[in-house]
Amino acid sequence: MAGHRPLLLADEPTGNLDTVSGEEILNLFKELCHAENDPISILMVTHDPNLAAKADRMLLLKDGITASSDIRSAWGDDVLGHEMADNEIAQKKKSRRKVKRRSKASNANGGEEE
């Protein structure tokens, strides 16, 4: 990017990229938007609801009118199924770690939990 522009227009920026390259582009966009010095705004157009879900803000245009401004209203919960599943898996792992810690504490105290 040349110069200090306040706005970047990105039309399907990850459309023809592999998954890893697409993630790198999204990470770069996040860095540019959240930079302490000279942050920029990025207006990204996408038909991919999973990509839209990663944006700080999302607007759905339908027939030239803003139809919704959040991912669930725009595409529904089903579209985010894999991300929701990933979050559920992370929560279960976190819970298991807590249970293991409690079990270790219980064993260390002769069977009594702290």
PDB file of N, CA and C in Angstrom:
ATOM      1  N   MET A   1       0.843  -1.170   0.000  1.00  0.00           N
ATOM      2  CA  MET A   1       0.000   0.000   0.000  1.00  0.00           C
ATOM      3  C   MET A   1       0.886   1.229   0.000  1.00  0.00           C
ATOM      4  N   ALA A   2       0.563   2.114  -0.869  1.00  0.00           N
ATOM      5  CA  ALA A   2       1.354   3.335  -0.989  1.00  0.00           C
ATOM      6  C   ALA A   2       0.658   4.495  -0.295  1.00  0.00           C
ATOM      7  N   GLY A   3       1.437   5.326   0.347  1.00  0.00           N
ATOM      8  CA  GLY A   3       0.880   6.509   0.983  1.00  0.00           C
ATOM      9  C   GLY A   3       0.151   6.198   2.273  1.00  0.00           C
ATOM     10  N   HIS A   4      -0.426   7.218   2.842  1.00  0.00           N
ATOM     11  CA  HIS A   4      -1.169   7.090   4.096  1.00  0.00           C
ATOM     12  C   HIS A   4      -2.635   7.312   3.806  1.00  0.00           C
ATOM     13  N   ARG A   5      -3.288   6.276   3.359  1.00  0.00           N
ATOM     14  CA  ARG A   5      -4.697   6.357   3.006  1.00  0.00           C
ATOM     15  C   ARG A   5      -5.555   5.978   4.210  1.00  0.00           C
ATOM     16  N   PRO A   6      -6.673   6.691   4.413  1.00  0.00           N
ATOM     17  CA  PRO A   6      -7.534   6.361   5.551  1.00  0.00           C
ATOM     18  C   PRO A   6      -8.483   5.192   5.286  1.00  0.00           C
ATOM     19  N   LEU A   7      -8.623   4.784   4.020  1.00  0.00           N
ATOM     20  CA  LEU A   7      -9.590   3.753   3.667  1.00  0.00           C
ATOM     21  C   LEU A   7      -9.022   2.814   2.607  1.00  0.00           C
ATOM     22  N   LEU A   8      -9.227   1.518   2.823  1.00  0.00           N
ATOM     23  CA  LEU A   8      -8.845   0.498   1.853  1.00  0.00           C
ATOM     24  C   LEU A   8     -10.120  -0.193   1.395  1.00  0.00           C
ATOM     25  N   LEU A   9     -10.351  -0.256   0.095  1.00  0.00           N
ATOM     26  CA  LEU A   9     -11.493  -0.971  -0.459  1.00  0.00           C
ATOM     27  C   LEU A   9     -11.012  -2.343  -0.902  1.00  0.00           C
ATOM     28  N   ALA A  10     -11.650  -3.391  -0.393  1.00  0.00           N
ATOM     29  CA  ALA A  10     -11.222  -4.762  -0.683  1.00  0.00           C
ATOM     30  C   ALA A  10     -12.425  -5.570  -1.177  1.00  0.00           C
ATOM     31  N   ASP A  11     -12.444  -5.870  -2.464  1.00  0.00           N
ATOM     32  CA  ASP A  11     -13.544  -6.628  -3.066  1.00  0.00           C
ATOM     33  C   ASP A  11     -13.138  -8.095  -3.157  1.00  0.00           C
ATOM     34  N   GLU A  12     -13.734  -8.938  -2.323  1.00  0.00           N
ATOM     35  CA  GLU A  12     -13.422 -10.372  -2.261  1.00  0.00           C
ATOM     36  C   GLU A  12     -11.903 -10.601  -2.161  1.00  0.00           C
ATOM     37  N   PRO A  13     -11.252 -10.039  -1.140  1.00  0.00           N
ATOM     38  CA  PRO A  13      -9.789 -10.104  -1.052  1.00  0.00           C
ATOM     39  C   PRO A  13      -9.220 -11.509  -0.910  1.00  0.00           C
ATOM     40  N   THR A  14     -10.020 -12.461  -0.446  1.00  0.00           N
ATOM     41  CA  THR A  14      -9.509 -13.815  -0.258  1.00  0.00           C
ATOM     42  C   THR A  14     -10.153 -14.811  -1.218  1.00  0.00           C
ATOM     43  N   GLY A  15     -10.914 -14.319  -2.170  1.00  0.00           N
ATOM     44  CA  GLY A  15     -11.699 -15.173  -3.066  1.00  0.00           C
ATOM     45  C   GLY A  15     -10.904 -16.224  -3.818  1.00  0.00           C
ATOM     46  N   ASN A  16      -9.712 -15.910  -4.263  1.00  0.00           N
ATOM     47  CA  ASN A  16      -8.916 -16.849  -5.058  1.00  0.00           C
ATOM     48  C   ASN A  16      -7.692 -17.354  -4.313  1.00  0.00           C
ATOM     49  N   LEU A  17      -7.732 -17.276  -2.988  1.00  0.00           N
ATOM     50  CA  LEU A  17      -6.578 -17.682  -2.190  1.00  0.00           C
ATOM     51  C   LEU A  17      -6.842 -18.982  -1.450  1.00  0.00           C
ATOM     52  N   ASP A  18      -5.768 -19.683  -1.128  1.00  0.00           N
ATOM     53  CA  ASP A  18      -5.893 -20.859  -0.272  1.00  0.00           C
ATOM     54  C   ASP A  18      -6.184 -20.377   1.147  1.00  0.00           C
ATOM     55  N   THR A  19      -6.582 -21.276   2.012  1.00  0.00           N
ATOM     56  CA  THR A  19      -7.008 -20.937   3.367  1.00  0.00           C
ATOM     57  C   THR A  19      -5.923 -20.216   4.159  1.00  0.00           C
ATOM     58  N   VAL A  20      -4.706 -20.704   4.090  1.00  0.00           N
ATOM     59  CA  VAL A  20      -3.609 -20.110   4.858  1.00  0.00           C
ATOM     60  C   VAL A  20      -3.333 -18.676   4.393  1.00  0.00           C
ATOM     61  N   SER A  21      -3.272 -18.472   3.093  1.00  0.00           N
ATOM     62  CA  SER A  21      -3.033 -17.122   2.560  1.00  0.00           C
ATOM     63  C   SER A  21      -4.183 -16.189   2.908  1.00  0.00           C
ATOM     64  N   GLY A  22      -5.408 -16.699   2.871  1.00  0.00           N
ATOM     65  CA  GLY A  22      -6.573 -15.908   3.242  1.00  0.00           C
ATOM     66  C   GLY A  22      -6.506 -15.451   4.683  1.00  0.00           C
ATOM     67  N   GLU A  23      -6.093 -16.356   5.582  1.00  0.00           N
ATOM     68  CA  GLU A  23      -5.944 -16.000   6.994  1.00  0.00           C
ATOM     69  C   GLU A  23      -4.867 -14.939   7.181  1.00  0.00           C
ATOM     70  N   GLU A  24      -3.778 -15.037   6.411  1.00  0.00           N
ATOM     71  CA  GLU A  24      -2.710 -14.047   6.498  1.00  0.00           C
ATOM     72  C   GLU A  24      -3.222 -12.664   6.082  1.00  0.00           C
ATOM     73  N   ILE A  25      -4.037 -12.618   5.036  1.00  0.00           N
ATOM     74  CA  ILE A  25      -4.614 -11.352   4.577  1.00  0.00           C
ATOM     75  C   ILE A  25      -5.511 -10.772   5.673  1.00  0.00           C
ATOM     76  N   LEU A  26      -6.354 -11.609   6.261  1.00  0.00           N
ATOM     77  CA  LEU A  26      -7.242 -11.134   7.326  1.00  0.00           C
ATOM     78  C   LEU A  26      -6.457 -10.635   8.530  1.00  0.00           C
ATOM     79  N   ASN A  27      -5.387 -11.320   8.878  1.00  0.00           N
ATOM     80  CA  ASN A  27      -4.535 -10.865   9.987  1.00  0.00           C
ATOM     81  C   ASN A  27      -3.905  -9.515   9.665  1.00  0.00           C
ATOM     82  N   LEU A  28      -3.464  -9.342   8.421  1.00  0.00           N
ATOM     83  CA  LEU A  28      -2.899  -8.064   7.991  1.00  0.00           C
ATOM     84  C   LEU A  28      -3.953  -6.964   8.097  1.00  0.00           C
ATOM     85  N   PHE A  29      -5.172  -7.252   7.647  1.00  0.00           N
ATOM     86  CA  PHE A  29      -6.252  -6.275   7.747  1.00  0.00           C
ATOM     87  C   PHE A  29      -6.489  -5.874   9.202  1.00  0.00           C
ATOM     88  N   LYS A  30      -6.508  -6.840  10.107  1.00  0.00           N
ATOM     89  CA  LYS A  30      -6.711  -6.548  11.528  1.00  0.00           C
ATOM     90  C   LYS A  30      -5.591  -5.648  12.054  1.00  0.00           C
ATOM     91  N   GLU A  31      -4.349  -5.957  11.677  1.00  0.00           N
ATOM     92  CA  GLU A  31      -3.212  -5.144  12.107  1.00  0.00           C
ATOM     93  C   GLU A  31      -3.356  -3.712  11.610  1.00  0.00           C
ATOM     94  N   LEU A  32      -3.749  -3.560  10.348  1.00  0.00           N
ATOM     95  CA  LEU A  32      -3.896  -2.229   9.768  1.00  0.00           C
ATOM     96  C   LEU A  32      -5.010  -1.438  10.450  1.00  0.00           C
ATOM     97  N   CYS A  33      -6.091  -2.105  10.770  1.00  0.00           N
ATOM     98  CA  CYS A  33      -7.238  -1.435  11.408  1.00  0.00           C
ATOM     99  C   CYS A  33      -6.966  -1.061  12.860  1.00  0.00           C
ATOM    100  N   HIS A  34      -6.187  -1.868  13.539  1.00  0.00           N
ATOM    101  CA  HIS A  34      -5.975  -1.671  14.970  1.00  0.00           C
ATOM    102  C   HIS A  34      -4.588  -1.106  15.289  1.00  0.00           C
ATOM    103  N   ALA A  35      -3.908  -0.608  14.285  1.00  0.00           N
ATOM    104  CA  ALA A  35      -2.575  -0.024  14.497  1.00  0.00           C
ATOM    105  C   ALA A  35      -2.681   1.207  15.392  1.00  0.00           C
ATOM    106  N   GLU A  36      -1.718   1.367  16.290  1.00  0.00           N
ATOM    107  CA  GLU A  36      -1.734   2.532  17.175  1.00  0.00           C
ATOM    108  C   GLU A  36      -1.472   3.816  16.399  1.00  0.00           C
ATOM    109  N   ASN A  37      -0.554   3.757  15.445  1.00  0.00           N
ATOM    110  CA  ASN A  37      -0.241   4.920  14.614  1.00  0.00           C
ATOM    111  C   ASN A  37      -0.867   4.732  13.244  1.00  0.00           C
ATOM    112  N   ASP A  38      -1.658   5.670  12.818  1.00  0.00           N
ATOM    113  CA  ASP A  38      -2.292   5.672  11.499  1.00  0.00           C
ATOM    114  C   ASP A  38      -3.139   4.432  11.209  1.00  0.00           C
ATOM    115  N   PRO A  39      -4.116   4.119  12.049  1.00  0.00           N
ATOM    116  CA  PRO A  39      -5.008   2.997  11.708  1.00  0.00           C
ATOM    117  C   PRO A  39      -5.846   3.377  10.495  1.00  0.00           C
ATOM    118  N   ILE A  40      -6.248   2.381   9.744  1.00  0.00           N
ATOM    119  CA  ILE A  40      -7.069   2.648   8.568  1.00  0.00           C
ATOM    120  C   ILE A  40      -8.392   1.893   8.691  1.00  0.00           C
ATOM    121  N   SER A  41      -9.348   2.295   7.895  1.00  0.00           N
ATOM    122  CA  SER A  41     -10.613   1.577   7.789  1.00  0.00           C
ATOM    123  C   SER A  41     -10.553   0.722   6.542  1.00  0.00           C
ATOM    124  N   ILE A  42     -11.136  -0.460   6.620  1.00  0.00           N
ATOM    125  CA  ILE A  42     -11.174  -1.354   5.468  1.00  0.00           C
ATOM    126  C   ILE A  42     -12.628  -1.691   5.185  1.00  0.00           C
ATOM    127  N   LEU A  43     -13.046  -1.425   3.971  1.00  0.00           N
ATOM    128  CA  LEU A  43     -14.375  -1.792   3.517  1.00  0.00           C
ATOM    129  C   LEU A  43     -14.197  -3.026   2.643  1.00  0.00           C
ATOM    130  N   MET A  44     -14.627  -4.158   3.172  1.00  0.00           N
ATOM    131  CA  MET A  44     -14.420  -5.434   2.492  1.00  0.00           C
ATOM    132  C   MET A  44     -15.763  -5.979   2.019  1.00  0.00           C
ATOM    133  N   VAL A  45     -15.811  -6.400   0.789  1.00  0.00           N
ATOM    134  CA  VAL A  45     -17.002  -7.031   0.232  1.00  0.00           C
ATOM    135  C   VAL A  45     -16.731  -8.523   0.151  1.00  0.00           C
ATOM    136  N   THR A  46     -17.686  -9.322   0.640  1.00  0.00           N
ATOM    137  CA  THR A  46     -17.530 -10.771   0.578  1.00  0.00           C
ATOM    138  C   THR A  46     -18.892 -11.441   0.519  1.00  0.00           C
ATOM    139  N   HIS A  47     -18.911 -12.614  -0.061  1.00  0.00           N
ATOM    140  CA  HIS A  47     -20.101 -13.465  -0.056  1.00  0.00           C
ATOM    141  C   HIS A  47     -19.914 -14.616   0.925  1.00  0.00           C
ATOM    142  N   ASP A  48     -18.815 -14.614   1.643  1.00  0.00           N
ATOM    143  CA  ASP A  48     -18.476 -15.675   2.582  1.00  0.00           C
ATOM    144  C   ASP A  48     -18.874 -15.251   3.997  1.00  0.00           C
ATOM    145  N   PRO A  49     -19.927 -15.841   4.545  1.00  0.00           N
ATOM    146  CA  PRO A  49     -20.371 -15.437   5.882  1.00  0.00           C
ATOM    147  C   PRO A  49     -19.341 -15.704   6.979  1.00  0.00           C
ATOM    148  N   ASN A  50     -18.518 -16.733   6.809  1.00  0.00           N
ATOM    149  CA  ASN A  50     -17.481 -17.022   7.810  1.00  0.00           C
ATOM    150  C   ASN A  50     -16.414 -15.937   7.805  1.00  0.00           C
ATOM    151  N   LEU A  51     -16.111 -15.413   6.630  1.00  0.00           N
ATOM    152  CA  LEU A  51     -15.165 -14.307   6.524  1.00  0.00           C
ATOM    153  C   LEU A  51     -15.789 -13.043   7.113  1.00  0.00           C
ATOM    154  N   ALA A  52     -17.034 -12.789   6.799  1.00  0.00           N
ATOM    155  CA  ALA A  52     -17.727 -11.608   7.328  1.00  0.00           C
ATOM    156  C   ALA A  52     -17.788 -11.643   8.849  1.00  0.00           C
ATOM    157  N   ALA A  53     -17.917 -12.834   9.409  1.00  0.00           N
ATOM    158  CA  ALA A  53     -18.017 -12.980  10.860  1.00  0.00           C
ATOM    159  C   ALA A  53     -16.746 -12.534  11.575  1.00  0.00           C
ATOM    160  N   LYS A  54     -15.632 -12.476  10.872  1.00  0.00           N
ATOM    161  CA  LYS A  54     -14.362 -12.091  11.484  1.00  0.00           C
ATOM    162  C   LYS A  54     -14.147 -10.582  11.479  1.00  0.00           C
ATOM    163  N   ALA A  55     -15.051  -9.853  10.831  1.00  0.00           N
ATOM    164  CA  ALA A  55     -14.928  -8.397  10.755  1.00  0.00           C
ATOM    165  C   ALA A  55     -15.370  -7.760  12.072  1.00  0.00           C
ATOM    166  N   ASP A  56     -14.868  -6.565  12.339  1.00  0.00           N
ATOM    167  CA  ASP A  56     -15.282  -5.834  13.526  1.00  0.00           C
ATOM    168  C   ASP A  56     -16.742  -5.392  13.413  1.00  0.00           C
ATOM    169  N   ARG A  57     -17.167  -5.130  12.191  1.00  0.00           N
ATOM    170  CA  ARG A  57     -18.543  -4.709  11.939  1.00  0.00           C
ATOM    171  C   ARG A  57     -18.980  -5.273  10.599  1.00  0.00           C
ATOM    172  N   MET A  58     -20.250  -5.669  10.499  1.00  0.00           N
ATOM    173  CA  MET A  58     -20.750  -6.273   9.275  1.00  0.00           C
ATOM    174  C   MET A  58     -22.082  -5.643   8.919  1.00  0.00           C
ATOM    175  N   LEU A  59     -22.260  -5.346   7.649  1.00  0.00           N
ATOM    176  CA  LEU A  59     -23.535  -4.861   7.128  1.00  0.00           C
ATOM    177  C   LEU A  59     -23.945  -5.752   5.970  1.00  0.00           C
ATOM    178  N   LEU A  60     -25.190  -6.170   5.956  1.00  0.00           N
ATOM    179  CA  LEU A  60     -25.722  -6.956   4.857  1.00  0.00           C
ATOM    180  C   LEU A  60     -26.568  -6.038   3.998  1.00  0.00           C
ATOM    181  N   LEU A  61     -26.229  -5.968   2.720  1.00  0.00           N
ATOM    182  CA  LEU A  61     -27.020  -5.187   1.783  1.00  0.00           C
ATOM    183  C   LEU A  61     -27.932  -6.122   1.012  1.00  0.00           C
ATOM    184  N   LYS A  62     -29.205  -5.784   0.961  1.00  0.00           N
ATOM    185  CA  LYS A  62     -30.174  -6.569   0.206  1.00  0.00           C
ATOM    186  C   LYS A  62     -31.014  -5.597  -0.610  1.00  0.00           C
ATOM    187  N   ASP A  63     -30.985  -5.772  -1.908  1.00  0.00           N
ATOM    188  CA  ASP A  63     -31.699  -4.877  -2.819  1.00  0.00           C
ATOM    189  C   ASP A  63     -31.304  -3.414  -2.599  1.00  0.00           C
ATOM    190  N   GLY A  64     -30.024  -3.186  -2.316  1.00  0.00           N
ATOM    191  CA  GLY A  64     -29.509  -1.838  -2.170  1.00  0.00           C
ATOM    192  C   GLY A  64     -29.805  -1.177  -0.833  1.00  0.00           C
ATOM    193  N   ILE A  65     -30.364  -1.926   0.097  1.00  0.00           N
ATOM    194  CA  ILE A  65     -30.718  -1.390   1.407  1.00  0.00           C
ATOM    195  C   ILE A  65     -30.014  -2.211   2.485  1.00  0.00           C
ATOM    196  N   THR A  66     -29.585  -1.536   3.551  1.00  0.00           N
ATOM    197  CA  THR A  66     -28.982  -2.265   4.666  1.00  0.00           C
ATOM    198  C   THR A  66     -30.057  -3.109   5.322  1.00  0.00           C
ATOM    199  N   ALA A  67     -29.893  -4.430   5.223  1.00  0.00           N
ATOM    200  CA  ALA A  67     -30.903  -5.362   5.725  1.00  0.00           C
ATOM    201  C   ALA A  67     -30.626  -5.796   7.154  1.00  0.00           C
ATOM    202  N   SER A  68     -29.369  -5.877   7.543  1.00  0.00           N
ATOM    203  CA  SER A  68     -29.023  -6.234   8.919  1.00  0.00           C
ATOM    204  C   SER A  68     -27.592  -5.815   9.198  1.00  0.00           C
ATOM    205  N   SER A  69     -27.268  -5.788  10.483  1.00  0.00           N
ATOM    206  CA  SER A  69     -25.926  -5.344  10.840  1.00  0.00           C
ATOM    207  C   SER A  69     -25.212  -6.317  11.770  1.00  0.00           C
ATOM    208  N   ASP A  70     -25.701  -7.548  11.850  1.00  0.00           N
ATOM    209  CA  ASP A  70     -24.966  -8.550  12.598  1.00  0.00           C
ATOM    210  C   ASP A  70     -25.050  -9.881  11.844  1.00  0.00           C
ATOM    211  N   ILE A  71     -24.082 -10.710  12.055  1.00  0.00           N
ATOM    212  CA  ILE A  71     -23.915 -11.927  11.268  1.00  0.00           C
ATOM    213  C   ILE A  71     -25.071 -12.905  11.460  1.00  0.00           C
ATOM    214  N   ARG A  72     -25.575 -13.020  12.663  1.00  0.00           N
ATOM    215  CA  ARG A  72     -26.666 -13.973  12.894  1.00  0.00           C
ATOM    216  C   ARG A  72     -27.946 -13.538  12.193  1.00  0.00           C
ATOM    217  N   SER A  73     -28.246 -12.240  12.225  1.00  0.00           N
ATOM    218  CA  SER A  73     -29.432 -11.759  11.527  1.00  0.00           C
ATOM    219  C   SER A  73     -29.280 -11.914  10.023  1.00  0.00           C
ATOM    220  N   ALA A  74     -28.060 -11.739   9.536  1.00  0.00           N
ATOM    221  CA  ALA A  74     -27.829 -11.804   8.097  1.00  0.00           C
ATOM    222  C   ALA A  74     -27.876 -13.221   7.561  1.00  0.00           C
ATOM    223  N   TRP A  75     -27.171 -14.152   8.225  1.00  0.00           N
ATOM    224  CA  TRP A  75     -27.044 -15.498   7.680  1.00  0.00           C
ATOM    225  C   TRP A  75     -27.553 -16.597   8.603  1.00  0.00           C
ATOM    226  N   GLY A  76     -27.844 -16.272   9.830  1.00  0.00           N
ATOM    227  CA  GLY A  76     -28.350 -17.274  10.756  1.00  0.00           C
ATOM    228  C   GLY A  76     -27.241 -18.018  11.465  1.00  0.00           C
ATOM    229  N   ASP A  77     -27.626 -18.753  12.503  1.00  0.00           N
ATOM    230  CA  ASP A  77     -26.657 -19.492  13.322  1.00  0.00           C
ATOM    231  C   ASP A  77     -26.002 -20.640  12.573  1.00  0.00           C
ATOM    232  N   ASP A  78     -26.717 -21.268  11.638  1.00  0.00           N
ATOM    233  CA  ASP A  78     -26.188 -22.435  10.933  1.00  0.00           C
ATOM    234  C   ASP A  78     -24.917 -22.125  10.163  1.00  0.00           C
ATOM    235  N   VAL A  79     -24.829 -20.923   9.616  1.00  0.00           N
ATOM    236  CA  VAL A  79     -23.680 -20.545   8.805  1.00  0.00           C
ATOM    237  C   VAL A  79     -22.408 -20.525   9.629  1.00  0.00           C
ATOM    238  N   LEU A  80     -22.530 -20.234  10.900  1.00  0.00           N
ATOM    239  CA  LEU A  80     -21.362 -20.154  11.765  1.00  0.00           C
ATOM    240  C   LEU A  80     -21.130 -21.446  12.519  1.00  0.00           C
ATOM    241  N   GLY A  81     -21.728 -22.508  12.049  1.00  0.00           N
ATOM    242  CA  GLY A  81     -21.663 -23.791  12.735  1.00  0.00           C
ATOM    243  C   GLY A  81     -20.272 -24.222  13.103  1.00  0.00           C
ATOM    244  N   HIS A  82     -19.327 -24.169  12.161  1.00  0.00           N
ATOM    245  CA  HIS A  82     -17.987 -24.660  12.487  1.00  0.00           C
ATOM    246  C   HIS A  82     -17.285 -23.766  13.487  1.00  0.00           C
ATOM    247  N   GLU A  83     -17.493 -22.453  13.433  1.00  0.00           N
ATOM    248  CA  GLU A  83     -16.865 -21.571  14.408  1.00  0.00           C
ATOM    249  C   GLU A  83     -17.478 -21.771  15.783  1.00  0.00           C
ATOM    250  N   MET A  84     -18.801 -21.971  15.812  1.00  0.00           N
ATOM    251  CA  MET A  84     -19.455 -22.225  17.087  1.00  0.00           C
ATOM    252  C   MET A  84     -18.978 -23.551  17.657  1.00  0.00           C
ATOM    253  N   ALA A  85     -18.815 -24.552  16.790  1.00  0.00           N
ATOM    254  CA  ALA A  85     -18.323 -25.854  17.242  1.00  0.00           C
ATOM    255  C   ALA A  85     -16.906 -25.726  17.787  1.00  0.00           C
ATOM    256  N   ASP A  86     -16.061 -24.952  17.129  1.00  0.00           N
ATOM    257  CA  ASP A  86     -14.699 -24.733  17.604  1.00  0.00           C
ATOM    258  C   ASP A  86     -14.720 -24.092  18.991  1.00  0.00           C
ATOM    259  N   ASN A  87     -15.617 -23.120  19.198  1.00  0.00           N
ATOM    260  CA  ASN A  87     -15.720 -22.469  20.504  1.00  0.00           C
ATOM    261  C   ASN A  87     -16.188 -23.452  21.570  1.00  0.00           C
ATOM    262  N   GLU A  88     -17.139 -24.315  21.221  1.00  0.00           N
ATOM    263  CA  GLU A  88     -17.631 -25.312  22.169  1.00  0.00           C
ATOM    264  C   GLU A  88     -16.525 -26.295  22.546  1.00  0.00           C
ATOM    265  N   ILE A  89     -15.724 -26.717  21.581  1.00  0.00           N
ATOM    266  CA  ILE A  89     -14.608 -27.632  21.841  1.00  0.00           C
ATOM    267  C   ILE A  89     -13.614 -26.970  22.791  1.00  0.00           C
ATOM    268  N   ALA A  90     -13.301 -25.695  22.540  1.00  0.00           N
ATOM    269  CA  ALA A  90     -12.365 -24.972  23.409  1.00  0.00           C
ATOM    270  C   ALA A  90     -12.908 -24.874  24.827  1.00  0.00           C
ATOM    271  N   GLN A  91     -14.211 -24.621  24.968  1.00  0.00           N
ATOM    272  CA  GLN A  91     -14.817 -24.538  26.298  1.00  0.00           C
ATOM    273  C   GLN A  91     -14.749 -25.882  27.023  1.00  0.00           C
ATOM    274  N   LYS A  92     -15.003 -26.987  26.277  1.00  0.00           N
ATOM    275  CA  LYS A  92     -14.945 -28.317  26.889  1.00  0.00           C
ATOM    276  C   LYS A  92     -13.528 -28.635  27.365  1.00  0.00           C
ATOM    277  N   LYS A  93     -12.528 -28.284  26.548  1.00  0.00           N
ATOM    278  CA  LYS A  93     -11.139 -28.521  26.939  1.00  0.00           C
ATOM    279  C   LYS A  93     -10.798 -27.741  28.200  1.00  0.00           C
ATOM    280  N   LYS A  94     -11.279 -26.500  28.264  1.00  0.00           N
ATOM    281  CA  LYS A  94     -11.033 -25.659  29.422  1.00  0.00           C
ATOM    282  C   LYS A  94     -11.666 -26.277  30.675  1.00  0.00           C
ATOM    283  N   SER A  95     -12.893 -26.775  30.520  1.00  0.00           N
ATOM    284  CA  SER A  95     -13.583 -27.422  31.638  1.00  0.00           C
ATOM    285  C   SER A  95     -12.847 -28.670  32.098  1.00  0.00           C
ATOM    286  N   ARG A  96     -12.344 -29.462  31.140  1.00  0.00           N
ATOM    287  CA  ARG A  96     -11.600 -30.677  31.491  1.00  0.00           C
ATOM    288  C   ARG A  96     -10.350 -30.352  32.288  1.00  0.00           C
ATOM    289  N   ARG A  97      -9.659 -29.271  31.892  1.00  0.00           N
ATOM    290  CA  ARG A  97      -8.451 -28.864  32.624  1.00  0.00           C
ATOM    291  C   ARG A  97      -8.797 -28.502  34.060  1.00  0.00           C
ATOM    292  N   LYS A  98      -9.934 -27.815  34.255  1.00  0.00           N
ATOM    293  CA  LYS A  98     -10.351 -27.452  35.617  1.00  0.00           C
ATOM    294  C   LYS A  98     -10.652 -28.704  36.430  1.00  0.00           C
ATOM    295  N   VAL A  99     -11.330 -29.677  35.814  1.00  0.00           N
ATOM    296  CA  VAL A  99     -11.655 -30.924  36.506  1.00  0.00           C
ATOM    297  C   VAL A  99     -10.374 -31.659  36.872  1.00  0.00           C
ATOM    298  N   LYS A 100      -9.409 -31.728  35.958  1.00  0.00           N
ATOM    299  CA  LYS A 100      -8.140 -32.397  36.249  1.00  0.00           C
ATOM    300  C   LYS A 100      -7.412 -31.718  37.404  1.00  0.00           C
ATOM    301  N   ARG A 101      -7.426 -30.368  37.398  1.00  0.00           N
ATOM    302  CA  ARG A 101      -6.772 -29.636  38.484  1.00  0.00           C
ATOM    303  C   ARG A 101      -7.440 -29.953  39.818  1.00  0.00           C
ATOM    304  N   ARG A 102      -8.776 -30.007  39.826  1.00  0.00           N
ATOM    305  CA  ARG A 102      -9.489 -30.326  41.052  1.00  0.00           C
ATOM    306  C   ARG A 102      -9.160 -31.741  41.506  1.00  0.00           C
ATOM    307  N   SER A 103      -9.062 -32.679  40.560  1.00  0.00           N
ATOM    308  CA  SER A 103      -8.731 -34.066  40.911  1.00  0.00           C
ATOM    309  C   SER A 103      -7.344 -34.151  41.516  1.00  0.00           C
ATOM    310  N   LYS A 104      -6.390 -33.451  40.937  1.00  0.00           N
ATOM    311  CA  LYS A 104      -5.027 -33.457  41.476  1.00  0.00           C
ATOM    312  C   LYS A 104      -5.006 -32.845  42.869  1.00  0.00           C
ATOM    313  N   ALA A 105      -5.755 -31.773  43.055  1.00  0.00           N
ATOM    314  CA  ALA A 105      -5.802 -31.121  44.375  1.00  0.00           C
ATOM    315  C   ALA A 105      -6.446 -32.059  45.387  1.00  0.00           C
ATOM    316  N   SER A 106      -7.486 -32.767  44.949  1.00  0.00           N
ATOM    317  CA  SER A 106      -8.163 -33.716  45.821  1.00  0.00           C
ATOM    318  C   SER A 106      -7.233 -34.840  46.236  1.00  0.00           C
ATOM    319  N   ASN A 107      -6.464 -35.375  45.272  1.00  0.00           N
ATOM    320  CA  ASN A 107      -5.514 -36.461  45.580  1.00  0.00           C
ATOM    321  C   ASN A 107      -4.402 -35.979  46.499  1.00  0.00           C
ATOM    322  N   ALA A 108      -3.961 -34.750  46.312  1.00  0.00           N
ATOM    323  CA  ALA A 108      -2.890 -34.216  47.134  1.00  0.00           C
ATOM    324  C   ALA A 108      -3.347 -33.984  48.574  1.00  0.00           C
ATOM    325  N   ASN A 109      -4.660 -33.766  48.755  1.00  0.00           N
ATOM    326  CA  ASN A 109      -5.196 -33.518  50.096  1.00  0.00           C
ATOM    327  C   ASN A 109      -5.824 -34.776  50.704  1.00  0.00           C
ATOM    328  N   GLY A 110      -5.442 -35.919  50.236  1.00  0.00           N
ATOM    329  CA  GLY A 110      -5.956 -37.165  50.769  1.00  0.00           C
ATOM    330  C   GLY A 110      -7.413 -37.430  50.415  1.00  0.00           C
ATOM    331  N   GLY A 111      -7.823 -36.971  49.264  1.00  0.00           N
ATOM    332  CA  GLY A 111      -9.189 -37.232  48.815  1.00  0.00           C
ATOM    333  C   GLY A 111     -10.143 -36.097  49.094  1.00  0.00           C
ATOM    334  N   GLU A 112      -9.715 -35.088  49.834  1.00  0.00           N
ATOM    335  CA  GLU A 112     -10.582 -33.942  50.098  1.00  0.00           C
ATOM    336  C   GLU A 112     -10.249 -32.817  49.146  1.00  0.00           C
ATOM    337  N   GLU A 113     -11.293 -32.232  48.556  1.00  0.00           N
ATOM    338  CA  GLU A 113     -11.071 -31.099  47.650  1.00  0.00           C
ATOM    339  C   GLU A 113     -10.850 -29.837  48.461  1.00  0.00           C
ATOM    340  N   GLU A 114     -10.121 -28.914  47.854  1.00  0.00           N
ATOM    341  CA  GLU A 114      -9.864 -27.626  48.521  1.00  0.00           C
ATOM    342  C   GLU A 114     -11.079 -26.753  48.431  1.00  0.00           C
TER     343      GLU A 114
END
